[in-house]
N, C-alpha and C. Protein backbone atom coordinates (compact mmCIF):
# COMPACT_ATOMS: atom_id res chain seq x y z
N MET A 1 -93.76 -37.66 17.72
CA MET A 1 -94.12 -38.48 16.56
C MET A 1 -94.78 -39.76 17.04
N ARG A 2 -95.54 -40.37 16.16
CA ARG A 2 -96.21 -41.62 16.51
C ARG A 2 -95.72 -42.74 15.61
N ILE A 3 -95.15 -43.76 16.23
CA ILE A 3 -94.69 -44.95 15.51
C ILE A 3 -95.68 -46.07 15.79
N HIS A 4 -96.20 -46.66 14.72
CA HIS A 4 -97.24 -47.67 14.86
C HIS A 4 -96.69 -49.05 14.52
N LEU A 5 -97.00 -50.03 15.36
CA LEU A 5 -96.61 -51.41 15.10
C LEU A 5 -97.77 -52.14 14.43
N ALA A 6 -97.52 -52.72 13.27
CA ALA A 6 -98.49 -53.58 12.61
C ALA A 6 -98.08 -55.02 12.96
N VAL A 7 -98.82 -55.63 13.86
CA VAL A 7 -98.46 -56.97 14.37
C VAL A 7 -99.10 -58.02 13.46
N PRO A 8 -98.29 -58.81 12.74
CA PRO A 8 -98.82 -59.67 11.68
C PRO A 8 -99.15 -61.10 12.11
N ILE A 9 -99.29 -61.32 13.41
CA ILE A 9 -99.63 -62.66 13.89
C ILE A 9 -100.76 -62.57 14.91
N THR A 10 -101.45 -63.68 15.08
CA THR A 10 -102.56 -63.72 16.04
C THR A 10 -102.15 -64.37 17.36
N GLY A 11 -100.92 -64.87 17.44
CA GLY A 11 -100.50 -65.62 18.62
C GLY A 11 -100.07 -64.78 19.81
N LEU A 12 -100.10 -63.45 19.68
CA LEU A 12 -99.75 -62.56 20.79
C LEU A 12 -101.01 -61.86 21.28
N ASP A 13 -101.28 -61.96 22.58
CA ASP A 13 -102.42 -61.22 23.13
C ASP A 13 -101.98 -59.80 23.48
N ASP A 14 -102.91 -58.99 23.96
CA ASP A 14 -102.59 -57.59 24.24
C ASP A 14 -101.51 -57.45 25.30
N ALA A 15 -101.53 -58.32 26.31
CA ALA A 15 -100.51 -58.24 27.36
C ALA A 15 -99.12 -58.50 26.78
N ALA A 16 -99.02 -59.47 25.89
CA ALA A 16 -97.72 -59.78 25.28
C ALA A 16 -97.25 -58.63 24.40
N ILE A 17 -98.16 -58.03 23.67
CA ILE A 17 -97.77 -56.91 22.82
C ILE A 17 -97.36 -55.71 23.66
N ARG A 18 -98.03 -55.51 24.79
CA ARG A 18 -97.66 -54.39 25.65
C ARG A 18 -96.25 -54.56 26.22
N LEU A 19 -95.81 -55.79 26.44
CA LEU A 19 -94.42 -56.01 26.86
C LEU A 19 -93.47 -55.46 25.80
N ARG A 20 -93.84 -55.62 24.56
CA ARG A 20 -93.01 -55.15 23.46
C ARG A 20 -93.04 -53.62 23.36
N THR A 21 -94.24 -53.05 23.47
CA THR A 21 -94.31 -51.59 23.39
C THR A 21 -93.65 -50.94 24.61
N ASP A 22 -93.75 -51.60 25.77
CA ASP A 22 -93.07 -51.07 26.96
C ASP A 22 -91.56 -51.02 26.74
N PHE A 23 -91.01 -52.07 26.13
CA PHE A 23 -89.58 -52.07 25.84
C PHE A 23 -89.22 -50.96 24.87
N LEU A 24 -90.01 -50.82 23.82
CA LEU A 24 -89.72 -49.77 22.84
C LEU A 24 -89.74 -48.39 23.48
N GLU A 25 -90.65 -48.18 24.41
CA GLU A 25 -90.74 -46.87 25.06
C GLU A 25 -89.49 -46.55 25.88
N THR A 26 -88.78 -47.58 26.33
CA THR A 26 -87.55 -47.33 27.10
C THR A 26 -86.40 -46.86 26.22
N ILE A 27 -86.48 -47.11 24.91
CA ILE A 27 -85.39 -46.72 24.02
C ILE A 27 -85.81 -45.67 23.00
N ALA A 28 -87.09 -45.31 23.00
CA ALA A 28 -87.60 -44.34 22.03
C ALA A 28 -87.20 -42.92 22.41
N ARG A 29 -87.29 -42.02 21.44
CA ARG A 29 -87.10 -40.60 21.72
C ARG A 29 -88.17 -40.12 22.68
N SER A 30 -87.88 -39.05 23.38
CA SER A 30 -88.76 -38.61 24.47
C SER A 30 -90.17 -38.28 24.02
N ARG A 31 -90.33 -37.82 22.79
CA ARG A 31 -91.66 -37.44 22.32
C ARG A 31 -92.29 -38.47 21.39
N THR A 32 -91.73 -39.66 21.35
CA THR A 32 -92.28 -40.71 20.50
C THR A 32 -93.37 -41.47 21.24
N GLN A 33 -94.50 -41.65 20.56
CA GLN A 33 -95.60 -42.45 21.07
C GLN A 33 -95.65 -43.76 20.29
N ILE A 34 -95.80 -44.88 20.99
CA ILE A 34 -95.87 -46.19 20.35
C ILE A 34 -97.30 -46.70 20.41
N THR A 35 -97.86 -47.05 19.25
CA THR A 35 -99.20 -47.64 19.20
C THR A 35 -99.11 -48.95 18.41
N TYR A 36 -100.19 -49.72 18.44
CA TYR A 36 -100.17 -50.98 17.69
C TYR A 36 -101.57 -51.42 17.31
N THR A 37 -101.63 -52.23 16.27
CA THR A 37 -102.81 -53.02 15.94
C THR A 37 -102.32 -54.41 15.54
N ARG A 38 -103.21 -55.37 15.66
CA ARG A 38 -102.87 -56.77 15.36
C ARG A 38 -103.86 -57.30 14.33
N ILE A 39 -103.38 -58.17 13.45
CA ILE A 39 -104.28 -58.75 12.47
C ILE A 39 -105.39 -59.54 13.17
N LYS A 40 -106.56 -59.56 12.55
CA LYS A 40 -107.70 -60.27 13.14
C LYS A 40 -107.75 -61.73 12.71
N GLU A 41 -107.24 -62.00 11.52
CA GLU A 41 -107.20 -63.37 11.02
C GLU A 41 -105.83 -63.63 10.43
N GLY A 42 -105.33 -64.85 10.64
CA GLY A 42 -104.03 -65.17 10.08
C GLY A 42 -103.28 -66.14 10.97
N PRO A 43 -102.01 -66.34 10.71
CA PRO A 43 -101.23 -67.34 11.44
C PRO A 43 -100.90 -66.90 12.86
N PRO A 44 -100.77 -67.85 13.79
CA PRO A 44 -100.36 -67.50 15.15
C PRO A 44 -98.92 -67.03 15.21
N ALA A 45 -98.10 -67.51 14.28
CA ALA A 45 -96.70 -67.09 14.16
C ALA A 45 -96.30 -67.25 12.70
N ILE A 46 -95.24 -66.58 12.30
CA ILE A 46 -94.78 -66.68 10.92
C ILE A 46 -93.55 -67.57 10.88
N GLU A 47 -93.77 -68.80 10.44
CA GLU A 47 -92.71 -69.80 10.46
C GLU A 47 -92.64 -70.59 9.15
N SER A 48 -93.34 -70.12 8.12
CA SER A 48 -93.36 -70.82 6.84
C SER A 48 -93.78 -69.85 5.75
N PRO A 49 -93.54 -70.20 4.47
CA PRO A 49 -94.01 -69.34 3.38
C PRO A 49 -95.52 -69.14 3.39
N VAL A 50 -96.27 -70.15 3.79
CA VAL A 50 -97.73 -70.01 3.86
C VAL A 50 -98.10 -68.96 4.91
N ASP A 51 -97.49 -69.03 6.09
CA ASP A 51 -97.74 -68.04 7.13
C ASP A 51 -97.43 -66.63 6.61
N HIS A 52 -96.31 -66.51 5.93
CA HIS A 52 -95.86 -65.21 5.43
C HIS A 52 -96.87 -64.63 4.44
N THR A 53 -97.35 -65.47 3.54
CA THR A 53 -98.31 -65.01 2.53
C THR A 53 -99.64 -64.65 3.16
N GLN A 54 -100.12 -65.47 4.07
CA GLN A 54 -101.40 -65.18 4.72
C GLN A 54 -101.32 -63.89 5.52
N ALA A 55 -100.23 -63.69 6.22
CA ALA A 55 -100.08 -62.49 7.05
C ALA A 55 -99.95 -61.23 6.20
N SER A 56 -99.30 -61.34 5.06
CA SER A 56 -99.04 -60.16 4.23
C SER A 56 -100.32 -59.43 3.85
N ALA A 57 -101.32 -60.17 3.42
CA ALA A 57 -102.57 -59.53 3.00
C ALA A 57 -103.22 -58.79 4.16
N GLU A 58 -103.15 -59.37 5.35
CA GLU A 58 -103.75 -58.72 6.52
C GLU A 58 -102.94 -57.50 6.96
N VAL A 59 -101.63 -57.57 6.79
CA VAL A 59 -100.77 -56.44 7.15
C VAL A 59 -101.16 -55.20 6.35
N LEU A 60 -101.50 -55.37 5.09
CA LEU A 60 -101.86 -54.23 4.26
C LEU A 60 -103.05 -53.48 4.83
N LYS A 61 -103.99 -54.19 5.42
CA LYS A 61 -105.14 -53.54 6.05
C LYS A 61 -104.70 -52.71 7.26
N LEU A 62 -103.79 -53.27 8.06
CA LEU A 62 -103.31 -52.55 9.24
C LEU A 62 -102.56 -51.29 8.85
N VAL A 63 -101.74 -51.40 7.83
CA VAL A 63 -100.92 -50.27 7.40
C VAL A 63 -101.79 -49.13 6.89
N THR A 64 -102.76 -49.47 6.08
CA THR A 64 -103.66 -48.44 5.54
C THR A 64 -104.42 -47.74 6.66
N ALA A 65 -104.91 -48.50 7.61
CA ALA A 65 -105.65 -47.92 8.73
C ALA A 65 -104.74 -47.07 9.62
N ALA A 66 -103.51 -47.51 9.81
CA ALA A 66 -102.58 -46.76 10.66
C ALA A 66 -102.26 -45.39 10.07
N GLU A 67 -102.05 -45.35 8.76
CA GLU A 67 -101.79 -44.05 8.13
C GLU A 67 -103.01 -43.14 8.28
N ALA A 68 -104.20 -43.68 8.05
CA ALA A 68 -105.42 -42.88 8.17
C ALA A 68 -105.61 -42.36 9.59
N ASP A 69 -105.07 -43.10 10.56
CA ASP A 69 -105.21 -42.72 11.96
C ASP A 69 -104.11 -41.77 12.43
N GLY A 70 -103.19 -41.42 11.53
CA GLY A 70 -102.20 -40.40 11.86
C GLY A 70 -100.81 -40.88 12.22
N ALA A 71 -100.49 -42.14 11.96
CA ALA A 71 -99.14 -42.62 12.26
C ALA A 71 -98.11 -41.90 11.40
N ASP A 72 -96.96 -41.60 12.00
CA ASP A 72 -95.87 -40.95 11.27
C ASP A 72 -94.95 -41.95 10.59
N ALA A 73 -94.91 -43.17 11.11
CA ALA A 73 -94.16 -44.26 10.50
C ALA A 73 -94.74 -45.56 11.04
N ILE A 74 -94.57 -46.62 10.28
CA ILE A 74 -95.16 -47.91 10.62
C ILE A 74 -94.07 -48.98 10.59
N ILE A 75 -94.05 -49.82 11.62
CA ILE A 75 -93.13 -50.96 11.67
C ILE A 75 -93.95 -52.23 11.53
N ILE A 76 -93.59 -53.08 10.58
CA ILE A 76 -94.21 -54.40 10.48
C ILE A 76 -93.47 -55.31 11.46
N TRP A 77 -94.16 -55.75 12.49
CA TRP A 77 -93.50 -56.39 13.64
C TRP A 77 -93.16 -57.86 13.36
N CYS A 78 -92.28 -58.07 12.41
CA CYS A 78 -91.79 -59.42 12.09
C CYS A 78 -90.52 -59.27 11.28
N ALA A 79 -89.50 -60.02 11.62
CA ALA A 79 -88.23 -59.91 10.90
C ALA A 79 -88.31 -60.45 9.48
N GLY A 80 -89.38 -61.17 9.16
CA GLY A 80 -89.59 -61.61 7.79
C GLY A 80 -90.18 -60.53 6.90
N ASP A 81 -90.55 -59.40 7.49
CA ASP A 81 -91.07 -58.24 6.76
C ASP A 81 -92.25 -58.58 5.85
N PRO A 82 -93.27 -59.29 6.34
CA PRO A 82 -94.39 -59.66 5.47
C PRO A 82 -95.15 -58.44 4.96
N GLY A 83 -95.37 -58.40 3.66
CA GLY A 83 -96.15 -57.33 3.06
C GLY A 83 -95.40 -56.02 2.90
N LEU A 84 -94.11 -55.99 3.16
CA LEU A 84 -93.37 -54.73 3.19
C LEU A 84 -93.40 -53.99 1.85
N GLU A 85 -93.04 -54.67 0.78
CA GLU A 85 -92.97 -54.01 -0.53
C GLU A 85 -94.33 -53.46 -0.93
N ALA A 86 -95.37 -54.27 -0.78
CA ALA A 86 -96.71 -53.82 -1.17
C ALA A 86 -97.19 -52.68 -0.28
N ALA A 87 -96.90 -52.76 1.01
CA ALA A 87 -97.35 -51.72 1.94
C ALA A 87 -96.80 -50.36 1.54
N ARG A 88 -95.58 -50.33 1.07
CA ARG A 88 -94.97 -49.05 0.69
C ARG A 88 -95.65 -48.41 -0.52
N THR A 89 -96.34 -49.20 -1.31
CA THR A 89 -97.07 -48.63 -2.45
C THR A 89 -98.44 -48.10 -2.04
N LEU A 90 -98.90 -48.49 -0.85
CA LEU A 90 -100.24 -48.12 -0.41
C LEU A 90 -100.30 -46.82 0.37
N VAL A 91 -99.23 -46.51 1.10
CA VAL A 91 -99.27 -45.36 2.01
C VAL A 91 -98.12 -44.41 1.73
N ASP A 92 -98.23 -43.22 2.28
CA ASP A 92 -97.22 -42.19 2.05
C ASP A 92 -96.30 -41.97 3.25
N VAL A 93 -96.53 -42.69 4.33
CA VAL A 93 -95.62 -42.61 5.48
C VAL A 93 -94.62 -43.75 5.37
N PRO A 94 -93.46 -43.64 6.02
CA PRO A 94 -92.47 -44.72 5.96
C PRO A 94 -93.01 -46.02 6.55
N VAL A 95 -92.73 -47.11 5.86
CA VAL A 95 -93.05 -48.45 6.37
C VAL A 95 -91.72 -49.18 6.53
N VAL A 96 -91.45 -49.62 7.74
CA VAL A 96 -90.14 -50.17 8.08
C VAL A 96 -90.25 -51.67 8.33
N GLY A 97 -89.33 -52.41 7.74
CA GLY A 97 -89.22 -53.84 8.01
C GLY A 97 -88.03 -54.10 8.92
N PRO A 98 -88.24 -54.77 10.05
CA PRO A 98 -87.11 -55.06 10.95
C PRO A 98 -86.00 -55.85 10.28
N GLY A 99 -86.37 -56.83 9.45
CA GLY A 99 -85.35 -57.62 8.78
C GLY A 99 -84.47 -56.77 7.88
N GLU A 100 -85.11 -55.95 7.06
CA GLU A 100 -84.36 -55.07 6.16
C GLU A 100 -83.50 -54.09 6.96
N SER A 101 -84.06 -53.53 8.03
CA SER A 101 -83.32 -52.57 8.85
C SER A 101 -82.06 -53.21 9.43
N MET A 102 -82.19 -54.43 9.94
CA MET A 102 -81.04 -55.10 10.52
C MET A 102 -79.98 -55.42 9.48
N ARG A 103 -80.42 -55.87 8.32
CA ARG A 103 -79.44 -56.21 7.28
C ARG A 103 -78.63 -54.98 6.85
N LEU A 104 -79.31 -53.84 6.74
CA LEU A 104 -78.61 -52.62 6.36
C LEU A 104 -77.61 -52.20 7.43
N LEU A 105 -78.02 -52.26 8.70
CA LEU A 105 -77.10 -51.90 9.78
C LEU A 105 -75.93 -52.87 9.86
N ALA A 106 -76.21 -54.14 9.63
CA ALA A 106 -75.15 -55.15 9.72
C ALA A 106 -74.05 -54.89 8.70
N GLN A 107 -74.43 -54.35 7.54
CA GLN A 107 -73.43 -54.05 6.51
C GLN A 107 -72.47 -52.95 6.96
N LEU A 108 -72.92 -52.13 7.91
CA LEU A 108 -72.07 -51.06 8.44
C LEU A 108 -71.15 -51.55 9.55
N LEU A 109 -71.45 -52.73 10.08
CA LEU A 109 -70.73 -53.21 11.26
C LEU A 109 -69.73 -54.31 10.98
N GLY A 110 -69.83 -54.92 9.81
CA GLY A 110 -68.90 -56.01 9.51
C GLY A 110 -68.84 -56.28 8.02
N HIS A 111 -67.87 -57.11 7.63
CA HIS A 111 -67.71 -57.47 6.22
C HIS A 111 -68.48 -58.73 5.85
N ASN A 112 -68.84 -59.52 6.86
CA ASN A 112 -69.51 -60.80 6.59
C ASN A 112 -70.60 -61.05 7.64
N PRO A 113 -71.68 -60.26 7.59
CA PRO A 113 -72.72 -60.40 8.60
C PRO A 113 -73.53 -61.68 8.44
N ALA A 114 -74.21 -62.05 9.52
CA ALA A 114 -75.01 -63.28 9.49
C ALA A 114 -76.29 -63.09 10.29
N ALA A 115 -77.35 -63.70 9.78
CA ALA A 115 -78.60 -63.78 10.53
C ALA A 115 -78.47 -64.84 11.60
N VAL A 116 -79.00 -64.54 12.77
CA VAL A 116 -79.00 -65.51 13.87
C VAL A 116 -80.43 -66.03 14.00
N PRO A 117 -80.68 -67.27 13.60
CA PRO A 117 -82.06 -67.77 13.61
C PRO A 117 -82.58 -67.99 15.02
N ALA A 118 -83.88 -67.95 15.16
CA ALA A 118 -84.49 -68.24 16.45
C ALA A 118 -84.17 -69.69 16.83
N PRO A 119 -83.71 -69.92 18.06
CA PRO A 119 -83.33 -71.28 18.45
C PRO A 119 -84.51 -72.15 18.86
N LEU A 120 -85.69 -71.54 18.96
CA LEU A 120 -86.90 -72.24 19.39
C LEU A 120 -88.07 -71.75 18.54
N PRO A 121 -89.20 -72.46 18.55
CA PRO A 121 -90.38 -71.93 17.87
C PRO A 121 -90.72 -70.53 18.38
N VAL A 122 -91.26 -69.71 17.51
CA VAL A 122 -91.46 -68.29 17.80
C VAL A 122 -92.17 -68.05 19.13
N LEU A 123 -93.28 -68.73 19.36
CA LEU A 123 -94.07 -68.46 20.55
C LEU A 123 -93.50 -69.09 21.82
N GLU A 124 -92.36 -69.77 21.70
CA GLU A 124 -91.69 -70.34 22.87
C GLU A 124 -90.47 -69.52 23.30
N LEU A 125 -90.11 -68.52 22.52
CA LEU A 125 -88.87 -67.78 22.78
C LEU A 125 -88.87 -67.02 24.09
N ARG A 126 -90.06 -66.60 24.57
CA ARG A 126 -90.12 -65.80 25.80
C ARG A 126 -90.47 -66.64 27.03
N ARG A 127 -90.70 -67.92 26.86
CA ARG A 127 -91.08 -68.75 28.01
C ARG A 127 -89.92 -68.90 28.99
N ASP A 128 -88.72 -68.99 28.46
CA ASP A 128 -87.52 -69.10 29.30
C ASP A 128 -86.44 -68.29 28.59
N THR A 129 -86.39 -66.99 28.89
CA THR A 129 -85.46 -66.12 28.16
C THR A 129 -84.01 -66.48 28.42
N ALA A 130 -83.72 -67.00 29.61
CA ALA A 130 -82.34 -67.41 29.90
C ALA A 130 -81.91 -68.53 28.96
N LYS A 131 -82.81 -69.48 28.72
CA LYS A 131 -82.51 -70.57 27.80
C LYS A 131 -82.34 -70.04 26.38
N THR A 132 -83.24 -69.14 25.97
CA THR A 132 -83.15 -68.57 24.62
C THR A 132 -81.83 -67.83 24.44
N LEU A 133 -81.45 -67.05 25.44
CA LEU A 133 -80.18 -66.32 25.36
C LEU A 133 -78.99 -67.28 25.30
N ARG A 134 -79.04 -68.32 26.09
CA ARG A 134 -77.94 -69.29 26.11
C ARG A 134 -77.79 -69.98 24.75
N LEU A 135 -78.90 -70.41 24.18
CA LEU A 135 -78.86 -71.08 22.88
C LEU A 135 -78.42 -70.12 21.77
N THR A 136 -78.89 -68.89 21.87
CA THR A 136 -78.54 -67.90 20.85
C THR A 136 -77.06 -67.53 20.92
N GLU A 137 -76.55 -67.39 22.12
CA GLU A 137 -75.12 -67.09 22.28
C GLU A 137 -74.27 -68.20 21.67
N LYS A 138 -74.68 -69.43 21.87
CA LYS A 138 -73.95 -70.57 21.29
C LYS A 138 -73.96 -70.49 19.77
N THR A 139 -75.11 -70.13 19.20
CA THR A 139 -75.21 -70.01 17.74
C THR A 139 -74.30 -68.90 17.22
N ILE A 140 -74.29 -67.77 17.93
CA ILE A 140 -73.45 -66.65 17.51
C ILE A 140 -71.97 -67.05 17.51
N LYS A 141 -71.55 -67.75 18.53
CA LYS A 141 -70.14 -68.17 18.60
C LYS A 141 -69.80 -69.13 17.46
N THR A 142 -70.75 -70.00 17.12
CA THR A 142 -70.53 -70.92 16.00
C THR A 142 -70.41 -70.14 14.69
N LEU A 143 -71.28 -69.15 14.51
CA LEU A 143 -71.22 -68.33 13.31
C LEU A 143 -69.92 -67.54 13.24
N GLN A 144 -69.46 -67.05 14.39
CA GLN A 144 -68.20 -66.32 14.41
C GLN A 144 -67.04 -67.22 13.99
N GLN A 145 -67.06 -68.45 14.47
CA GLN A 145 -66.00 -69.40 14.11
C GLN A 145 -66.02 -69.72 12.61
N SER A 146 -67.18 -69.52 11.99
CA SER A 146 -67.31 -69.76 10.54
C SER A 146 -66.90 -68.54 9.72
N GLY A 147 -66.50 -67.47 10.39
CA GLY A 147 -66.00 -66.30 9.68
C GLY A 147 -66.92 -65.10 9.64
N HIS A 148 -68.05 -65.17 10.32
CA HIS A 148 -68.97 -64.04 10.35
C HIS A 148 -68.54 -63.05 11.43
N ASP A 149 -68.85 -61.76 11.19
CA ASP A 149 -68.31 -60.74 12.10
C ASP A 149 -69.34 -59.74 12.61
N ALA A 150 -70.57 -59.81 12.14
CA ALA A 150 -71.66 -58.98 12.65
C ALA A 150 -72.92 -59.83 12.59
N PHE A 151 -73.85 -59.59 13.52
CA PHE A 151 -74.94 -60.54 13.70
C PHE A 151 -76.25 -59.82 13.95
N TYR A 152 -77.34 -60.37 13.42
CA TYR A 152 -78.65 -59.79 13.68
C TYR A 152 -79.65 -60.89 14.03
N LEU A 153 -80.47 -60.61 15.03
CA LEU A 153 -81.42 -61.58 15.56
C LEU A 153 -82.63 -61.66 14.65
N ASP A 154 -82.83 -62.80 14.04
CA ASP A 154 -83.76 -62.91 12.92
C ASP A 154 -85.19 -63.24 13.34
N CYS A 155 -85.62 -62.71 14.49
CA CYS A 155 -87.00 -62.90 14.92
C CYS A 155 -87.33 -61.84 15.97
N LEU A 156 -88.52 -61.24 15.86
CA LEU A 156 -88.94 -60.23 16.84
C LEU A 156 -89.25 -60.84 18.19
N GLY A 157 -89.42 -62.17 18.25
CA GLY A 157 -89.57 -62.82 19.54
C GLY A 157 -88.32 -62.68 20.40
N MET A 158 -87.22 -62.24 19.79
CA MET A 158 -85.96 -62.07 20.51
C MET A 158 -85.72 -60.60 20.85
N PHE A 159 -86.80 -59.81 20.88
CA PHE A 159 -86.65 -58.39 21.23
C PHE A 159 -86.03 -58.26 22.62
N ALA A 160 -85.25 -57.21 22.79
CA ALA A 160 -84.57 -56.89 24.05
C ALA A 160 -83.43 -57.85 24.38
N MET A 161 -83.07 -58.72 23.46
CA MET A 161 -81.96 -59.64 23.70
C MET A 161 -80.66 -59.16 23.07
N GLY A 162 -80.73 -58.11 22.28
CA GLY A 162 -79.53 -57.63 21.62
C GLY A 162 -78.46 -57.17 22.59
N LYS A 163 -78.84 -56.32 23.54
CA LYS A 163 -77.85 -55.78 24.46
C LYS A 163 -77.22 -56.85 25.34
N PRO A 164 -78.01 -57.74 25.97
CA PRO A 164 -77.35 -58.77 26.77
C PRO A 164 -76.42 -59.66 25.95
N LEU A 165 -76.76 -59.90 24.69
CA LEU A 165 -75.88 -60.71 23.85
C LEU A 165 -74.64 -59.93 23.44
N ARG A 166 -74.78 -58.64 23.22
CA ARG A 166 -73.59 -57.82 22.96
C ARG A 166 -72.67 -57.83 24.17
N ASP A 167 -73.27 -57.76 25.35
CA ASP A 167 -72.47 -57.72 26.58
C ASP A 167 -71.73 -59.04 26.81
N THR A 168 -72.39 -60.17 26.55
CA THR A 168 -71.76 -61.46 26.86
C THR A 168 -70.78 -61.90 25.78
N THR A 169 -71.04 -61.52 24.53
CA THR A 169 -70.16 -61.97 23.44
C THR A 169 -69.09 -60.95 23.07
N GLY A 170 -69.34 -59.68 23.37
CA GLY A 170 -68.43 -58.63 22.93
C GLY A 170 -68.50 -58.38 21.44
N LEU A 171 -69.58 -58.84 20.80
CA LEU A 171 -69.72 -58.74 19.35
C LEU A 171 -70.89 -57.82 18.99
N PRO A 172 -70.89 -57.27 17.77
CA PRO A 172 -72.02 -56.45 17.34
C PRO A 172 -73.24 -57.32 17.02
N VAL A 173 -74.21 -57.32 17.92
CA VAL A 173 -75.43 -58.11 17.76
C VAL A 173 -76.60 -57.12 17.67
N ILE A 174 -77.31 -57.15 16.55
CA ILE A 174 -78.38 -56.19 16.31
C ILE A 174 -79.71 -56.77 16.75
N ASP A 175 -80.42 -55.99 17.54
CA ASP A 175 -81.74 -56.36 18.04
C ASP A 175 -82.79 -55.85 17.04
N PRO A 176 -83.73 -56.69 16.62
CA PRO A 176 -84.70 -56.26 15.61
C PRO A 176 -85.61 -55.13 16.08
N ALA A 177 -85.97 -55.13 17.34
CA ALA A 177 -86.83 -54.07 17.87
C ALA A 177 -86.08 -52.75 17.90
N GLU A 178 -84.85 -52.78 18.39
CA GLU A 178 -84.04 -51.56 18.45
C GLU A 178 -83.79 -51.00 17.06
N ALA A 179 -83.41 -51.88 16.13
CA ALA A 179 -83.07 -51.43 14.79
C ALA A 179 -84.26 -50.81 14.08
N SER A 180 -85.41 -51.49 14.13
CA SER A 180 -86.57 -50.99 13.40
C SER A 180 -87.10 -49.70 13.99
N LEU A 181 -87.08 -49.58 15.31
CA LEU A 181 -87.55 -48.34 15.92
C LEU A 181 -86.64 -47.17 15.55
N GLN A 182 -85.34 -47.38 15.63
CA GLN A 182 -84.41 -46.29 15.32
C GLN A 182 -84.54 -45.85 13.87
N VAL A 183 -84.71 -46.80 12.96
CA VAL A 183 -84.88 -46.45 11.55
C VAL A 183 -86.19 -45.71 11.34
N ALA A 184 -87.27 -46.19 11.96
CA ALA A 184 -88.57 -45.54 11.80
C ALA A 184 -88.54 -44.12 12.34
N GLU A 185 -87.95 -43.94 13.52
CA GLU A 185 -87.87 -42.60 14.09
C GLU A 185 -87.03 -41.67 13.22
N ALA A 186 -85.92 -42.17 12.71
CA ALA A 186 -85.05 -41.34 11.88
C ALA A 186 -85.77 -40.91 10.60
N MET A 187 -86.46 -41.84 9.96
CA MET A 187 -87.16 -41.51 8.72
C MET A 187 -88.26 -40.49 8.97
N ALA A 188 -89.02 -40.69 10.04
CA ALA A 188 -90.10 -39.75 10.36
C ALA A 188 -89.53 -38.38 10.72
N HIS A 189 -88.48 -38.37 11.53
CA HIS A 189 -87.88 -37.11 11.96
C HIS A 189 -87.32 -36.31 10.79
N LEU A 190 -86.73 -37.02 9.83
CA LEU A 190 -86.12 -36.36 8.68
C LEU A 190 -87.13 -36.04 7.57
N GLY A 191 -88.35 -36.51 7.74
CA GLY A 191 -89.37 -36.26 6.73
C GLY A 191 -89.15 -37.05 5.45
N LEU A 192 -88.50 -38.20 5.57
CA LEU A 192 -88.22 -39.02 4.40
C LEU A 192 -89.43 -39.88 4.04
N ARG A 193 -89.61 -40.10 2.75
CA ARG A 193 -90.69 -40.94 2.24
C ARG A 193 -90.12 -41.89 1.19
N HIS A 194 -90.80 -42.99 0.98
CA HIS A 194 -90.34 -43.95 -0.01
C HIS A 194 -90.50 -43.38 -1.42
N SER A 195 -89.54 -43.68 -2.26
CA SER A 195 -89.55 -43.20 -3.64
C SER A 195 -90.73 -43.78 -4.41
N ARG A 196 -91.46 -42.92 -5.11
CA ARG A 196 -92.56 -43.40 -5.95
C ARG A 196 -92.03 -44.00 -7.26
N THR A 197 -90.76 -43.80 -7.54
CA THR A 197 -90.15 -44.51 -8.67
C THR A 197 -89.95 -45.97 -8.30
N ALA A 198 -89.50 -46.19 -7.08
CA ALA A 198 -89.28 -47.56 -6.61
C ALA A 198 -90.58 -48.24 -6.18
N TYR A 199 -91.48 -47.46 -5.58
CA TYR A 199 -92.73 -48.00 -5.05
C TYR A 199 -93.91 -47.20 -5.62
N PRO A 200 -94.30 -47.46 -6.87
CA PRO A 200 -95.39 -46.70 -7.49
C PRO A 200 -96.67 -46.79 -6.67
N LYS A 201 -97.37 -45.67 -6.58
CA LYS A 201 -98.58 -45.61 -5.77
C LYS A 201 -99.64 -46.58 -6.29
N TYR A 202 -100.25 -47.31 -5.37
CA TYR A 202 -101.34 -48.23 -5.71
C TYR A 202 -102.66 -47.57 -5.33
N PRO A 203 -103.70 -47.73 -6.14
CA PRO A 203 -103.73 -48.45 -7.42
C PRO A 203 -103.10 -47.62 -8.54
N PRO A 204 -102.78 -48.27 -9.67
CA PRO A 204 -102.19 -47.54 -10.80
C PRO A 204 -103.18 -46.50 -11.33
N PRO A 205 -102.67 -45.48 -12.02
CA PRO A 205 -103.52 -44.36 -12.45
C PRO A 205 -104.78 -44.78 -13.22
N HIS A 206 -104.68 -45.78 -14.08
CA HIS A 206 -105.84 -46.14 -14.90
C HIS A 206 -106.92 -46.85 -14.10
N ARG A 207 -106.65 -47.15 -12.82
CA ARG A 207 -107.65 -47.81 -11.99
C ARG A 207 -108.15 -46.92 -10.85
N ARG A 208 -107.75 -45.67 -10.86
CA ARG A 208 -108.18 -44.77 -9.78
C ARG A 208 -109.50 -44.11 -10.13
C-alpha cells in the first residue's frame, strides 16, 4: 500500500522531510511505501489560526493530487489537522489527521488524557532533541501531577520522541507519527472509507 504525506508547511526542506519518511519506514508494514508532497505556498510552520487557515487551502490541492496519483491513504503532516474535514469531502481514500488519531488512541489508554504542547517553536524542536525531550518530559510529569493519565505529543516536530518518553516516564505517551501511520495503514488495509453521510462529496450534486 502507499501512504502519502501531505506536508502543510514550507519550513521543511526535502532533507528534513526524508528524515521523517525514513522514521516512518522503520515502523511501517513491510509492503508499505511512504511518499510525500509539500505545499508550494504557505506558512513555514503552523503556530497560529492564520497559519492553519492558509495551510488548509493548500493541503486540499495536495490531497486531490495524491489520490489521483494512486495513494491508498493520506496523512496531513500536522497535529493541528489543517484542512482535514474538507479534504475528506474531496477524495475517496482515507485522510488521516495525526491530532485526531492521537486523541482517539488516548481515550483508550486513560480516563483523563492530555495534549503535550511543543516546548519550543516548531522549527526549533529538532535542533537539540535532547533538550526537547528533557523539556517535554518535565511537562508530562507536571500534567501527571495534575491528574492526567495518558499523553499525546501535540506537534509532528516531535516525531520519534514517543518511545523514548514512554521509556523514561513509564507512561503512555503517543507519538503523532506512529499514531497517524498506524491508523492510515489500518484504514487502507481494511478497505475503510469515510462516510458520505458525514462527509458529503464535494462539489454538491447541483454544481457538478
